[in-house]
Protein backbone atom coordinates (compact mmCIF):
# COMPACT_ATOMS: atom_id res chain seq x y z
CA UNK A 1 -96.08 62.10 92.05
CA UNK A 2 -95.96 60.85 95.42
CA UNK A 3 -95.83 56.68 96.72
CA UNK A 4 -98.57 54.67 97.18
CA UNK A 5 -97.01 54.39 100.79
CA UNK A 6 -97.42 57.82 101.37
CA UNK A 7 -99.94 58.67 99.80
CA UNK A 8 -101.96 55.77 101.56
CA UNK A 9 -100.32 57.40 105.00
CA UNK A 10 -101.52 60.45 104.48
CA UNK A 11 -105.00 58.73 103.84
CA UNK A 12 -104.96 57.18 106.71
CA UNK A 13 -104.23 59.96 108.76
CA UNK A 14 -106.37 62.52 107.02
CA UNK A 15 -109.47 60.41 107.95
CA UNK A 16 -108.20 59.65 111.44
CA UNK A 17 -108.11 55.95 110.80
CA UNK A 18 -104.79 55.13 112.67
CA UNK A 19 -106.80 54.16 116.08
CA UNK A 20 -109.18 51.79 114.24
CA UNK A 21 -106.23 50.32 112.16
CA UNK A 22 -103.72 50.41 115.52
CA UNK A 23 -106.24 48.83 117.44
CA UNK A 24 -106.55 45.62 114.89
CA UNK A 25 -103.30 45.26 115.05
CA UNK A 26 -103.88 44.32 118.66
CA UNK A 27 -106.42 41.39 117.62
CA UNK A 28 -103.53 40.12 115.01
CA UNK A 29 -100.49 40.26 117.41
CA UNK A 30 -102.63 38.31 120.40
CA UNK A 31 -100.95 34.66 119.32
CA UNK A 32 -97.50 36.38 119.36
CA UNK A 33 -97.51 38.33 122.18
CA UNK A 34 -99.57 35.57 124.24
CA UNK A 35 -97.83 32.38 123.15
CA UNK A 36 -98.86 29.20 122.04
CA UNK A 37 -100.45 27.69 124.71
CA UNK A 38 -102.27 30.67 125.58
CA UNK A 39 -103.53 31.19 122.07
CA UNK A 40 -104.71 27.65 121.58
CA UNK A 41 -106.99 28.45 124.28
CA UNK A 42 -108.29 31.80 123.37
CA UNK A 43 -109.22 34.23 120.88
CA UNK A 44 -108.69 37.98 120.03
CA UNK A 45 -111.76 38.59 118.74
CA UNK A 46 -112.31 42.46 118.45
CA UNK A 47 -111.18 45.58 119.63
CA UNK A 48 -113.33 48.97 120.85
CA UNK A 49 -112.61 52.08 122.56
CA UNK A 50 -109.46 50.47 123.74
CA UNK A 51 -110.71 47.40 124.96
CA UNK A 52 -109.31 44.07 123.96
CA UNK A 53 -112.36 41.22 123.96
CA UNK A 54 -110.99 37.66 124.11
CA UNK A 55 -112.98 34.31 124.07
CA UNK A 56 -111.66 32.20 126.07
CA UNK A 57 -112.00 28.15 126.11
CA UNK A 58 -113.64 27.89 129.58
CA UNK A 59 -113.56 29.33 133.00
CA UNK A 60 -110.28 27.94 134.51
CA UNK A 61 -108.29 30.20 131.42
CA UNK A 62 -109.93 33.18 131.96
CA UNK A 63 -109.02 32.71 135.62
CA UNK A 64 -105.76 32.70 134.32
CA UNK A 65 -105.94 35.17 132.08
CA UNK A 66 -107.53 37.87 134.43
CA UNK A 67 -105.13 37.23 136.30
CA UNK A 68 -102.40 38.17 133.95
CA UNK A 69 -104.23 40.73 132.12
CA UNK A 70 -101.94 44.06 133.24
CA UNK A 71 -98.48 42.38 132.32
CA UNK A 72 -100.29 41.35 128.89
CA UNK A 73 -101.74 45.01 128.29
CA UNK A 74 -98.13 45.77 128.54
CA UNK A 75 -96.87 43.35 126.29
CA UNK A 76 -99.31 43.94 123.64
CA UNK A 77 -98.46 48.00 123.44
CA UNK A 78 -94.86 47.19 123.62
CA UNK A 79 -95.21 45.38 120.33
CA UNK A 80 -97.98 48.22 118.74
CA UNK A 81 -95.81 50.60 119.99
CA UNK A 82 -98.44 52.46 121.01
CA UNK A 83 -100.50 52.47 124.50
CA UNK A 84 -103.60 51.39 122.05
CA UNK A 85 -104.95 48.64 124.65
CA UNK A 86 -106.26 50.04 128.13
CA UNK A 87 -108.37 46.78 128.99
CA UNK A 88 -109.03 43.15 128.35
CA UNK A 89 -112.08 42.15 128.29
CA UNK A 90 -112.32 37.66 128.80
CA UNK A 91 -115.57 36.22 127.83
């Protein structure tokens, strides 16, 4: 008999759900990756086709995060151990 963890892993892989789960993890690790100050002024909302959508509190934060975008993408992908995020869209 298969352990539940292995059964779920097998199901996720068979159904092609790995990418979606990995993308959702990117949303949940946002505060950890960017730190307290940035996470107080932004909120990761969703991921679609490797593009993370982040809502920011104002235009100043949007500009600041735009300048840090490449570094943030690298950090997120490092935490996820896969190249999941290709771009970030700040709203």
